[in-house]
C-alpha atoms as a PDB file:
ATOM      1  CA  UNK A   1      -9.790 -20.971  34.066  1.00  0.00           C
ATOM      2  CA  UNK A   2     -12.385 -19.590  31.804  1.00  0.00           C
ATOM      3  CA  UNK A   3     -12.196 -16.254  30.025  1.00  0.00           C
ATOM      4  CA  UNK A   4     -14.980 -15.095  32.404  1.00  0.00           C
ATOM      5  CA  UNK A   5     -13.093 -16.165  35.577  1.00  0.00           C
ATOM      6  CA  UNK A   6      -9.870 -14.422  34.217  1.00  0.00           C
ATOM      7  CA  UNK A   7     -11.897 -11.198  33.726  1.00  0.00           C
ATOM      8  CA  UNK A   8     -13.439 -11.581  37.207  1.00  0.00           C
ATOM      9  CA  UNK A   9      -9.796 -11.612  38.614  1.00  0.00           C
ATOM     10  CA  UNK A  10      -8.838  -8.611  36.444  1.00  0.00           C
ATOM     11  CA  UNK A  11     -12.000  -6.764  37.938  1.00  0.00           C
ATOM     12  CA  UNK A  12     -10.727  -7.676  41.356  1.00  0.00           C
ATOM     13  CA  UNK A  13      -7.378  -6.480  40.814  1.00  0.00           C
ATOM     14  CA  UNK A  14      -8.468  -3.185  39.110  1.00  0.00           C
ATOM     15  CA  UNK A  15     -10.783  -2.758  42.011  1.00  0.00           C
ATOM     16  CA  UNK A  16      -7.824  -3.321  44.351  1.00  0.00           C
ATOM     17  CA  UNK A  17      -5.892  -0.640  42.390  1.00  0.00           C
ATOM     18  CA  UNK A  18      -8.715   1.817  42.606  1.00  0.00           C
ATOM     19  CA  UNK A  19      -9.194   1.357  46.445  1.00  0.00           C
ATOM     20  CA  UNK A  20      -5.380   1.358  47.305  1.00  0.00           C
ATOM     21  CA  UNK A  21      -4.588   4.378  45.120  1.00  0.00           C
ATOM     22  CA  UNK A  22      -7.366   6.543  46.590  1.00  0.00           C
ATOM     23  CA  UNK A  23      -6.300   5.414  50.182  1.00  0.00           C
ATOM     24  CA  UNK A  24      -2.600   6.082  49.828  1.00  0.00           C
ATOM     25  CA  UNK A  25      -2.423   8.115  46.548  1.00  0.00           C
ATOM     26  CA  UNK A  26       1.117   7.034  45.630  1.00  0.00           C
ATOM     27  CA  UNK A  27       1.231   3.252  45.613  1.00  0.00           C
ATOM     28  CA  UNK A  28       2.756   1.822  42.600  1.00  0.00           C
ATOM     29  CA  UNK A  29       0.196  -0.073  40.321  1.00  0.00           C
ATOM     30  CA  UNK A  30       2.581  -2.883  39.639  1.00  0.00           C
ATOM     31  CA  UNK A  31       3.014  -3.501  43.371  1.00  0.00           C
ATOM     32  CA  UNK A  32      -0.874  -3.615  43.977  1.00  0.00           C
ATOM     33  CA  UNK A  33      -1.519  -5.992  41.219  1.00  0.00           C
ATOM     34  CA  UNK A  34       1.372  -8.347  42.075  1.00  0.00           C
ATOM     35  CA  UNK A  35       0.053  -8.328  45.725  1.00  0.00           C
ATOM     36  CA  UNK A  36      -3.447  -9.019  44.642  1.00  0.00           C
ATOM     37  CA  UNK A  37      -2.102 -12.042  42.484  1.00  0.00           C
ATOM     38  CA  UNK A  38      -0.037 -13.558  45.197  1.00  0.00           C
ATOM     39  CA  UNK A  39      -2.193 -12.837  48.297  1.00  0.00           C
ATOM     40  CA  UNK A  40      -5.826 -12.327  47.195  1.00  0.00           C
ATOM     41  CA  UNK A  41      -6.554 -14.152  43.927  1.00  0.00           C
ATOM     42  CA  UNK A  42      -9.261 -16.743  44.549  1.00  0.00           C
ATOM     43  CA  UNK A  43      -7.918 -19.198  41.984  1.00  0.00           C
ATOM     44  CA  UNK A  44      -4.842 -21.032  41.471  1.00  0.00           C
ATOM     45  CA  UNK A  45      -3.247 -19.438  38.425  1.00  0.00           C
ATOM     46  CA  UNK A  46      -0.893 -20.832  35.735  1.00  0.00           C
ATOM     47  CA  UNK A  47       1.949 -18.505  35.012  1.00  0.00           C
ATOM     48  CA  UNK A  48       0.179 -17.570  31.581  1.00  0.00           C
ATOM     49  CA  UNK A  49      -2.993 -16.742  33.575  1.00  0.00           C
ATOM     50  CA  UNK A  50      -1.168 -14.687  36.122  1.00  0.00           C
ATOM     51  CA  UNK A  51       0.827 -12.704  33.439  1.00  0.00           C
ATOM     52  CA  UNK A  52      -2.591 -11.950  31.666  1.00  0.00           C
ATOM     53  CA  UNK A  53      -4.154 -10.635  34.871  1.00  0.00           C
ATOM     54  CA  UNK A  54      -1.099  -8.697  35.741  1.00  0.00           C
ATOM     55  CA  UNK A  55      -0.615  -7.109  32.264  1.00  0.00           C
ATOM     56  CA  UNK A  56      -4.269  -6.201  31.651  1.00  0.00           C
ATOM     57  CA  UNK A  57      -4.951  -4.939  35.203  1.00  0.00           C
ATOM     58  CA  UNK A  58      -1.766  -2.893  35.273  1.00  0.00           C
ATOM     59  CA  UNK A  59      -2.518  -1.397  31.852  1.00  0.00           C
ATOM     60  CA  UNK A  60      -6.089  -0.449  33.061  1.00  0.00           C
ATOM     61  CA  UNK A  61      -4.682   0.783  36.317  1.00  0.00           C
ATOM     62  CA  UNK A  62      -2.403   3.198  34.593  1.00  0.00           C
ATOM     63  CA  UNK A  63      -5.126   4.560  32.413  1.00  0.00           C
ATOM     64  CA  UNK A  64      -7.787   5.220  35.003  1.00  0.00           C
ATOM     65  CA  UNK A  65      -8.052   8.986  34.352  1.00  0.00           C
ATOM     66  CA  UNK A  66      -8.349   8.454  30.627  1.00  0.00           C
ATOM     67  CA  UNK A  67     -10.980   5.751  30.989  1.00  0.00           C
ATOM     68  CA  UNK A  68     -12.838   7.946  33.510  1.00  0.00           C
ATOM     69  CA  UNK A  69     -12.804  10.813  30.943  1.00  0.00           C
ATOM     70  CA  UNK A  70     -14.390   8.358  28.392  1.00  0.00           C
ATOM     71  CA  UNK A  71     -16.916   7.274  30.930  1.00  0.00           C
ATOM     72  CA  UNK A  72     -17.906  10.877  31.708  1.00  0.00           C
ATOM     73  CA  UNK A  73     -18.182  11.772  28.136  1.00  0.00           C
ATOM     74  CA  UNK A  74     -21.224   9.343  27.776  1.00  0.00           C
ATOM     75  CA  UNK A  75     -22.527   9.656  31.320  1.00  0.00           C
ATOM     76  CA  UNK A  76     -25.799  11.564  31.807  1.00  0.00           C
ATOM     77  CA  UNK A  77     -26.316  12.712  35.160  1.00  0.00           C
ATOM     78  CA  UNK A  78     -23.759  10.187  36.620  1.00  0.00           C
ATOM     79  CA  UNK A  79     -20.190  11.259  36.591  1.00  0.00           C
ATOM     80  CA  UNK A  80     -17.714   8.902  37.676  1.00  0.00           C
ATOM     81  CA  UNK A  81     -17.216  10.435  41.123  1.00  0.00           C
ATOM     82  CA  UNK A  82     -20.858   9.532  41.817  1.00  0.00           C
ATOM     83  CA  UNK A  83     -20.780   6.036  40.679  1.00  0.00           C
ATOM     84  CA  UNK A  84     -20.371   2.985  42.808  1.00  0.00           C
ATOM     85  CA  UNK A  85     -16.834   1.463  42.733  1.00  0.00           C
ATOM     86  CA  UNK A  86     -17.963  -1.786  41.377  1.00  0.00           C
ATOM     87  CA  UNK A  87     -19.835  -0.307  38.562  1.00  0.00           C
ATOM     88  CA  UNK A  88     -17.202   2.187  37.834  1.00  0.00           C
ATOM     89  CA  UNK A  89     -14.352  -0.536  37.563  1.00  0.00           C
ATOM     90  CA  UNK A  90     -16.653  -2.727  35.571  1.00  0.00           C
ATOM     91  CA  UNK A  91     -17.078   0.170  33.057  1.00  0.00           C
ATOM     92  CA  UNK A  92     -13.243   0.875  32.994  1.00  0.00           C
ATOM     93  CA  UNK A  93     -12.503  -2.765  32.099  1.00  0.00           C
ATOM     94  CA  UNK A  94     -15.179  -2.716  29.308  1.00  0.00           C
ATOM     95  CA  UNK A  95     -14.129   0.536  27.888  1.00  0.00           C
ATOM     96  CA  UNK A  96     -10.504  -0.519  27.870  1.00  0.00           C
ATOM     97  CA  UNK A  97     -11.433  -3.754  26.072  1.00  0.00           C
ATOM     98  CA  UNK A  98     -13.626  -1.931  23.521  1.00  0.00           C
ATOM     99  CA  UNK A  99     -10.866   0.673  22.814  1.00  0.00           C
ATOM    100  CA  UNK A 100      -7.629  -1.145  23.283  1.00  0.00           C
ATOM    101  CA  UNK A 101      -8.087  -4.918  23.290  1.00  0.00           C
ATOM    102  CA  UNK A 102      -8.639  -6.087  19.662  1.00  0.00           C
ATOM    103  CA  UNK A 103      -8.726  -9.691  20.944  1.00  0.00           C
ATOM    104  CA  UNK A 104     -12.192  -9.039  22.694  1.00  0.00           C
ATOM    105  CA  UNK A 105     -15.138  -8.313  20.405  1.00  0.00           C
ATOM    106  CA  UNK A 106     -17.143  -5.269  21.430  1.00  0.00           C
ATOM    107  CA  UNK A 107     -20.271  -7.357  22.079  1.00  0.00           C
ATOM    108  CA  UNK A 108     -18.356  -9.785  24.334  1.00  0.00           C
ATOM    109  CA  UNK A 109     -16.850  -6.676  26.270  1.00  0.00           C
ATOM    110  CA  UNK A 110     -20.401  -5.405  26.902  1.00  0.00           C
ATOM    111  CA  UNK A 111     -21.852  -8.859  27.710  1.00  0.00           C
ATOM    112  CA  UNK A 112     -19.108  -9.660  30.137  1.00  0.00           C
ATOM    113  CA  UNK A 113     -19.513  -6.220  31.711  1.00  0.00           C
ATOM    114  CA  UNK A 114     -23.236  -6.808  32.297  1.00  0.00           C
ATOM    115  CA  UNK A 115     -22.449 -10.385  33.695  1.00  0.00           C
ATOM    116  CA  UNK A 116     -20.038  -8.870  36.126  1.00  0.00           C
ATOM    117  CA  UNK A 117     -22.486  -6.400  37.191  1.00  0.00           C
ATOM    118  CA  UNK A 118     -25.083  -9.170  37.939  1.00  0.00           C
ATOM    119  CA  UNK A 119     -22.565 -10.773  40.226  1.00  0.00           C
ATOM    120  CA  UNK A 120     -21.141  -7.734  42.051  1.00  0.00           C
ATOM    121  CA  UNK A 121     -23.583  -4.850  41.859  1.00  0.00           C
ATOM    122  CA  UNK A 122     -27.094  -4.230  42.841  1.00  0.00           C
ATOM    123  CA  UNK A 123     -30.114  -5.077  40.580  1.00  0.00           C
ATOM    124  CA  UNK A 124     -30.300  -2.030  38.585  1.00  0.00           C
ATOM    125  CA  UNK A 125     -26.515  -1.930  37.502  1.00  0.00           C
ATOM    126  CA  UNK A 126     -26.582  -4.348  34.720  1.00  0.00           C
ATOM    127  CA  UNK A 127     -29.029  -2.124  32.766  1.00  0.00           C
ATOM    128  CA  UNK A 128     -27.021   1.002  33.765  1.00  0.00           C
ATOM    129  CA  UNK A 129     -23.729  -0.581  32.606  1.00  0.00           C
ATOM    130  CA  UNK A 130     -25.467  -1.869  29.336  1.00  0.00           C
ATOM    131  CA  UNK A 131     -26.848   1.634  28.587  1.00  0.00           C
ATOM    132  CA  UNK A 132     -23.621   3.315  29.269  1.00  0.00           C
ATOM    133  CA  UNK A 133     -21.674   1.196  27.083  1.00  0.00           C
ATOM    134  CA  UNK A 134     -24.330   1.436  24.362  1.00  0.00           C
ATOM    135  CA  UNK A 135     -23.751   5.137  24.382  1.00  0.00           C
ATOM    136  CA  UNK A 136     -20.065   4.748  24.251  1.00  0.00           C
ATOM    137  CA  UNK A 137     -19.939   2.322  21.077  1.00  0.00           C
END
């Protein structure tokens, strides 16, 4: 599986965390990610890939409030509560990678976020996400 495909699965797992925590409020992040990996993941994963998705998605899921504060700090007229869920979760992943994942260069985090936006969002989202991340770095 490519790094992009792994990031795509992480995006879907984080999206699941966001949706299920909003719906139930008290679901355990670990359970949500594990359920995503076992029931919903689109690809057959090696143990190493499953561990990477689990670790990164769970870490991001545990930091949603902090990541949202970072997003709100650079948002101009678009606070997180007004953003589309796909755009918001793409930004969360990118900001997490920029701040905490030293294995991902900043330019790669931004480029991958834009690519995810092209796949999962409307036509305006890639420019929006690129602009938000440019203000963040």
